[in-house]
Protein backbone atom coordinates (compact mmCIF):
# COMPACT_ATOMS: atom_id res chain seq x y z
CA MET A 1 -142.99 -20.62 -18.42
CA GLU A 2 -146.66 -21.28 -15.78
CA ASN A 3 -144.68 -20.53 -12.67
CA LYS A 4 -143.40 -16.81 -14.24
CA ASN A 5 -146.84 -15.43 -16.04
CA LEU A 6 -147.85 -15.81 -12.26
CA MET A 7 -146.20 -13.10 -11.31
CA ASN A 8 -147.31 -10.55 -13.13
CA ASN A 9 -149.08 -8.24 -10.05
CA ILE A 10 -145.85 -9.00 -7.91
CA THR A 11 -143.47 -5.76 -7.48
CA ASP A 12 -140.90 -5.35 -9.23
CA ARG A 13 -138.05 -6.13 -6.93
CA GLU A 14 -140.14 -8.97 -5.50
CA LEU A 15 -140.32 -10.20 -9.34
CA LYS A 16 -136.40 -9.88 -9.66
CA LEU A 17 -135.63 -11.89 -6.08
CA CYS A 18 -138.77 -14.80 -7.14
CA ALA A 19 -136.99 -15.20 -10.85
CA LEU A 20 -133.81 -15.76 -8.96
CA ALA A 21 -135.20 -18.25 -6.67
CA ILE A 22 -137.11 -20.05 -9.46
CA SER A 23 -134.16 -20.35 -11.60
CA LEU A 24 -132.28 -21.78 -8.37
CA TYR A 25 -135.05 -24.15 -8.23
CA GLU A 26 -135.48 -24.79 -12.03
CA THR A 27 -131.95 -25.91 -12.58
CA ARG A 28 -132.30 -28.13 -9.87
CA ILE A 29 -128.83 -26.03 -8.42
CA GLN A 30 -128.81 -26.06 -4.29
CA ALA A 31 -125.43 -24.19 -3.84
CA PRO A 32 -126.11 -20.06 -4.23
CA GLU A 33 -123.19 -19.59 -5.10
CA SER A 34 -123.34 -21.31 -8.42
CA PHE A 35 -125.49 -17.48 -9.04
CA PRO A 36 -123.15 -14.39 -8.23
CA GLU A 37 -125.29 -12.16 -9.46
CA ILE A 38 -127.92 -12.78 -6.34
CA CYS A 39 -124.48 -13.64 -3.59
CA CYS A 40 -125.63 -10.00 -2.03
CA LEU A 41 -129.09 -10.70 -2.03
CA ILE A 42 -128.69 -14.72 -0.71
CA ASP A 43 -129.83 -13.88 3.11
CA ASP A 44 -132.43 -11.35 2.05
CA ASP A 45 -135.54 -12.66 3.80
CA ILE A 46 -137.70 -11.90 0.44
CA VAL A 47 -134.93 -14.74 -1.73
CA ASN A 48 -135.53 -17.49 1.65
CA GLN A 49 -139.68 -17.14 2.27
CA VAL A 50 -139.37 -17.80 -1.28
CA LEU A 51 -137.05 -20.28 -1.93
CA GLN A 52 -138.54 -22.84 0.61
CA ALA A 53 -141.93 -21.87 -0.35
CA ILE A 54 -140.91 -22.98 -4.19
CA ALA A 55 -138.91 -25.56 -3.18
CA GLU A 56 -142.00 -27.11 -1.10
CA ASP A 57 -144.54 -26.84 -4.52
CA PRO A 58 -143.38 -24.46 -6.89
CA GLU A 59 -146.77 -23.18 -8.20
CA ASP A 60 -148.59 -22.96 -5.12
CA GLY A 61 -144.91 -20.91 -3.81
CA ILE A 62 -145.30 -18.36 -6.34
CA LYS A 63 -149.24 -17.89 -5.92
CA GLU A 64 -148.93 -18.32 -1.74
CA LEU A 65 -146.73 -15.57 -2.46
CA GLU A 66 -148.70 -13.24 -4.55
CA CYS A 67 -151.24 -13.94 -1.76
CA LEU A 68 -149.64 -12.69 0.88
CA ARG A 69 -148.27 -9.57 -1.31
CA LEU A 70 -152.34 -8.57 -2.42
CA ARG A 71 -152.71 -8.74 1.33
CA ASP A 72 -150.58 -6.26 2.51
CA GLU A 73 -151.66 -4.27 -0.80
CA TYR A 74 -154.51 -4.15 0.63
CA ASN A 75 -154.08 -3.02 4.58
CA GLN A 76 -151.53 -0.46 2.86
CA ILE A 77 -154.42 1.16 1.44
CA CYS A 78 -156.86 0.95 4.33
CA GLU A 79 -153.96 2.52 6.54
CA GLN A 80 -153.77 5.18 3.82
CA ARG A 81 -157.46 5.58 4.18
CA MET A 82 -157.95 5.89 7.58
CA GLU A 83 -155.09 8.72 7.64
CA GLN A 84 -156.38 10.38 5.30
CA GLY A 85 -159.59 10.60 6.28
CA LYS A 86 -163.82 9.57 5.22
CA PRO A 87 -165.39 12.27 3.50
CA PRO A 88 -168.24 14.00 5.56
CA VAL A 89 -170.92 11.68 5.72
CA LYS A 90 -174.23 14.04 3.88
CA LYS A 91 -177.11 13.87 6.34
CA LYS A 92 -180.61 13.89 4.48
CA PRO A 93 -182.39 16.54 5.77
CA ASN A 94 -185.18 16.51 8.34
CA LEU A 95 -188.68 16.17 7.08
CA THR A 96 -191.59 19.09 6.97
CA GLU A 97 -194.35 17.89 8.92
CA ASP A 98 -196.59 18.18 6.34
CA GLU A 99 -193.60 15.41 4.61
CA LEU A 100 -193.61 13.77 8.02
CA ASN A 101 -197.51 13.24 7.86
CA SER A 102 -198.11 11.93 4.43
CA LEU A 103 -194.70 9.42 5.65
CA ARG A 104 -197.10 8.26 8.89
CA LEU A 105 -199.89 8.34 7.08
CA SER A 106 -198.32 6.02 4.50
CA ALA A 107 -196.50 3.46 7.51
CA GLU A 108 -200.11 3.33 9.02
CA ASN A 109 -201.81 1.98 6.01
CA GLY A 110 -198.88 -0.63 5.99
CA ASP A 111 -196.93 0.36 3.65
CA PRO A 112 -193.63 -1.23 4.23
CA LYS A 113 -191.04 1.03 2.67
CA ALA A 114 -192.72 3.58 4.20
CA GLN A 115 -192.50 2.04 7.86
CA ASN A 116 -189.22 1.17 6.91
CA LYS A 117 -188.20 4.74 6.29
CA LEU A 118 -190.31 6.40 9.12
CA GLY A 119 -188.10 3.76 11.34
CA GLY A 120 -184.76 5.37 9.76
CA VAL A 121 -186.69 9.03 10.70
CA TYR A 122 -187.45 7.79 13.93
CA ARG A 123 -183.66 5.89 14.55
CA ASN A 124 -181.93 9.07 13.01
CA GLY A 125 -184.33 12.23 14.61
CA ARG A 126 -185.14 13.58 11.16
CA GLY A 127 -187.13 15.94 12.29
CA VAL A 128 -188.51 13.97 15.58
CA PRO A 129 -186.64 13.37 18.65
CA ARG A 130 -184.56 10.18 18.05
CA ASP A 131 -186.38 7.45 19.10
CA TYR A 132 -185.07 4.08 18.86
CA ASP A 133 -188.09 2.09 20.43
CA GLN A 134 -190.43 3.94 17.28
CA ALA A 135 -187.28 3.33 15.42
CA SER A 136 -187.57 -1.01 15.81
CA MET A 137 -191.04 -0.69 16.36
CA TRP A 138 -191.60 0.28 12.40
CA TYR A 139 -188.30 -1.67 11.22
CA ARG A 140 -190.50 -4.70 13.05
CA LYS A 141 -193.39 -3.54 10.65
CA ALA A 142 -192.09 -3.18 7.17
CA ALA A 143 -189.55 -6.74 8.04
CA GLU A 144 -192.41 -9.10 9.50
CA GLN A 145 -193.64 -7.71 5.74
CA GLY A 146 -190.71 -8.78 4.08
CA ASN A 147 -188.20 -5.72 3.38
CA ALA A 148 -185.01 -6.65 2.90
CA ASP A 149 -183.90 -2.91 3.74
CA ALA A 150 -185.82 -3.13 7.14
CA GLN A 151 -184.56 -6.75 8.22
CA LEU A 152 -181.48 -5.51 7.49
CA ASN A 153 -182.02 -2.39 10.04
CA LEU A 154 -183.76 -4.84 12.04
CA ALA A 155 -181.09 -6.61 12.66
CA PHE A 156 -179.01 -3.73 13.35
CA SER A 157 -181.45 -2.91 16.51
CA TYR A 158 -180.95 -6.21 17.84
CA GLU A 159 -177.23 -6.20 17.54
CA MET A 160 -176.92 -3.06 18.48
CA GLY A 161 -179.76 -3.13 21.55
CA GLU A 162 -181.32 -0.47 20.07
CA GLY A 163 -185.11 0.02 21.15
CA VAL A 164 -185.19 -3.86 22.16
CA PRO A 165 -182.56 -6.39 23.99
CA LYS A 166 -179.64 -6.59 22.68
CA ASP A 167 -179.60 -10.17 21.26
CA CYS A 168 -177.46 -11.55 18.63
CA GLY A 169 -179.58 -14.30 17.89
CA GLN A 170 -182.41 -12.25 16.39
CA ALA A 171 -180.09 -10.33 14.91
CA ALA A 172 -178.75 -13.22 13.37
CA PHE A 173 -182.62 -14.17 12.40
CA TRP A 174 -182.85 -11.06 10.34
CA PHE A 175 -179.66 -10.66 8.72
CA ARG A 176 -180.86 -14.45 7.39
CA LYS A 177 -184.25 -13.07 5.41
CA ALA A 178 -182.18 -9.66 4.59
CA ALA A 179 -179.68 -12.60 3.11
CA GLY A 180 -181.52 -14.70 1.72
CA GLN A 181 -183.39 -12.00 -0.64
CA GLY A 182 -179.75 -11.49 -1.68
CA ASP A 183 -178.72 -8.19 0.87
CA ALA A 184 -174.72 -8.40 0.42
CA MET A 185 -174.59 -6.70 3.42
CA ALA A 186 -176.38 -9.19 5.26
CA GLN A 187 -174.76 -12.01 3.82
CA PHE A 188 -171.68 -10.71 4.62
CA LEU A 189 -172.04 -9.80 8.32
CA LEU A 190 -174.63 -13.70 8.56
CA GLY A 191 -170.96 -14.57 7.25
CA ASP A 192 -169.42 -12.99 10.35
CA MET A 193 -171.88 -14.37 12.95
CA TYR A 194 -171.00 -17.85 11.61
CA LYS A 195 -167.06 -17.28 11.24
CA THR A 196 -167.43 -16.36 15.13
CA GLY A 197 -170.22 -18.12 16.40
CA ARG A 198 -172.46 -14.98 17.99
CA GLY A 199 -175.52 -15.68 17.90
CA VAL A 200 -175.42 -18.69 15.91
CA PRO A 201 -173.23 -21.84 16.07
CA GLN A 202 -169.33 -21.40 14.84
CA ASP A 203 -169.22 -22.73 11.21
CA CYS A 204 -166.97 -22.05 9.24
CA GLY A 205 -168.41 -23.53 5.72
CA ARG A 206 -171.38 -21.91 7.00
CA ALA A 207 -169.55 -18.56 7.00
CA ALA A 208 -167.60 -19.59 3.41
CA PHE A 209 -171.15 -19.87 1.96
CA TRP A 210 -172.32 -16.53 2.70
CA TYR A 211 -169.02 -14.68 2.50
CA ARG A 212 -169.53 -16.20 -0.55
CA LYS A 213 -172.87 -14.49 -1.86
CA ALA A 214 -171.55 -11.64 -0.42
CA ALA A 215 -168.30 -11.27 -2.54
CA ASP A 216 -169.87 -12.40 -5.62
CA GLN A 217 -172.00 -8.87 -5.87
CA ASP A 218 -168.96 -7.09 -4.61
CA GLU A 219 -169.10 -6.54 -1.38
CA VAL A 220 -165.53 -5.68 -0.72
CA ASN A 221 -165.06 -7.27 3.15
CA ALA A 222 -166.47 -10.19 2.36
CA GLN A 223 -164.30 -10.46 -0.59
CA LEU A 224 -161.31 -10.14 1.79
CA ARG A 225 -162.64 -12.96 4.47
CA LEU A 226 -163.31 -15.21 1.84
CA ALA A 227 -159.79 -14.79 0.34
CA ALA A 228 -158.10 -15.16 4.05
CA MET A 229 -160.53 -18.10 4.17
CA TYR A 230 -159.04 -20.26 0.75
CA PHE A 231 -155.80 -18.89 2.10
CA HIS A 232 -155.51 -20.68 5.23
CA GLY A 233 -157.96 -23.50 4.33
CA GLN A 234 -160.48 -22.42 6.94
CA GLY A 235 -164.45 -23.72 6.16
CA ILE A 236 -162.82 -24.68 2.49
CA ALA A 237 -160.36 -26.03 0.46
CA ARG A 238 -156.72 -24.29 0.63
CA ASP A 239 -156.66 -22.52 -2.89
CA TYR A 240 -154.25 -19.70 -3.72
CA SER A 241 -155.40 -19.12 -6.77
CA ARG A 242 -158.69 -18.63 -5.95
CA ALA A 243 -157.75 -16.47 -2.92
CA ALA A 244 -155.48 -14.21 -4.97
CA ALA A 245 -158.10 -13.70 -6.98
CA LEU A 246 -160.20 -12.10 -4.52
CA TYR A 247 -157.64 -10.39 -2.52
CA ARG A 248 -157.10 -8.77 -6.21
CA LYS A 249 -161.15 -8.35 -6.33
CA ALA A 250 -160.72 -6.58 -3.11
CA VAL A 251 -157.30 -4.23 -3.53
CA THR A 252 -159.23 -3.13 -7.03
CA LYS A 253 -162.91 -1.98 -5.22
CA LEU A 254 -160.81 -0.21 -2.68
CA TYR A 255 -158.69 1.52 -4.88
CA GLU A 256 -162.01 2.66 -6.30
CA ILE A 257 -163.89 3.25 -3.36
CA CYS A 258 -160.74 5.85 -1.88
CA THR A 259 -160.56 7.49 -5.53
CA ALA A 260 -164.19 8.03 -4.65
CA ASN A 261 -163.32 9.23 -1.61
CA ALA A 262 -160.84 11.47 -2.80
CA GLU A 263 -163.03 12.79 -4.90
CA VAL A 264 -165.77 14.07 -2.58
CA LEU A 265 -163.36 15.38 0.28
CA ASN A 266 -161.38 17.44 -2.99
CA GLY A 267 -164.72 18.60 -4.32
CA THR A 268 -164.58 17.29 -7.41
CA GLY A 269 -166.69 13.70 -7.82
CA GLY A 270 -169.41 13.37 -10.50
CA ASP A 271 -172.30 11.21 -9.47
CA SER A 272 -170.20 9.18 -6.59
CA ARG A 273 -173.14 7.47 -4.44
CA GLU A 274 -173.60 9.66 -1.28
CA GLN A 275 -173.24 8.60 1.86
CA GLU A 276 -175.83 9.05 4.55
CA THR A 277 -176.45 8.53 7.93
CA ASP A 278 -180.13 7.27 7.52
CA GLU A 279 -181.92 3.85 6.82
CA ALA A 280 -180.33 1.46 3.96
């Protein structure tokens, strides 16, 4: 039956309990004693929760349980990742004097990529003393020319108050600029600002809009946020099927990230993306 097909991703124990609960519902039998095989389980919290959810809506009840299971699985992976630790962050090497002079010349001649990169050099102190004022100045020059990476970096500068006064409104302004150019991280962070009302009026509908943009680009945090909004019907219509699909994508992506991290930590990683403390 369709309801049972929805349970493909539920653990063996939950699958057994759900199947028994569904049998109770579908046969319209209200007395648990009619099913001797579950007498020992009838007080189990999972059975009671499933029975209640299915009694209210058989299809959504199963989907709701699946969402909860997937959300718990995501949280468990996050906890494991925290316990294991992240792979060592690789910092880009310092620039030589010749490299720095060449980069500065390109930046001064108006090259936005060079300006953004020079901003990162100053922000991270790569061959020069760390200087947030210089970093934000060069980020701004590139951002005003439409460089999405620089717009994201300038937004971070305003959010953190690095080289500029801390200003969530300006942070949202520049996140929006980068988000409009398709930057998934900026889209996710702009969604967060709308969700919490930081720098912009609180608007869960707009938050969902930007989360969806980022989620479509496999931004795992956006997938998780959007899934929660579908699950609770916050800013968008409640939809357990979409919530479960997004939770599943987030879980799958997080497994991939953790596997790649484990390979880096064990020294067996291949061409996994290098983590850096440099500009976007």
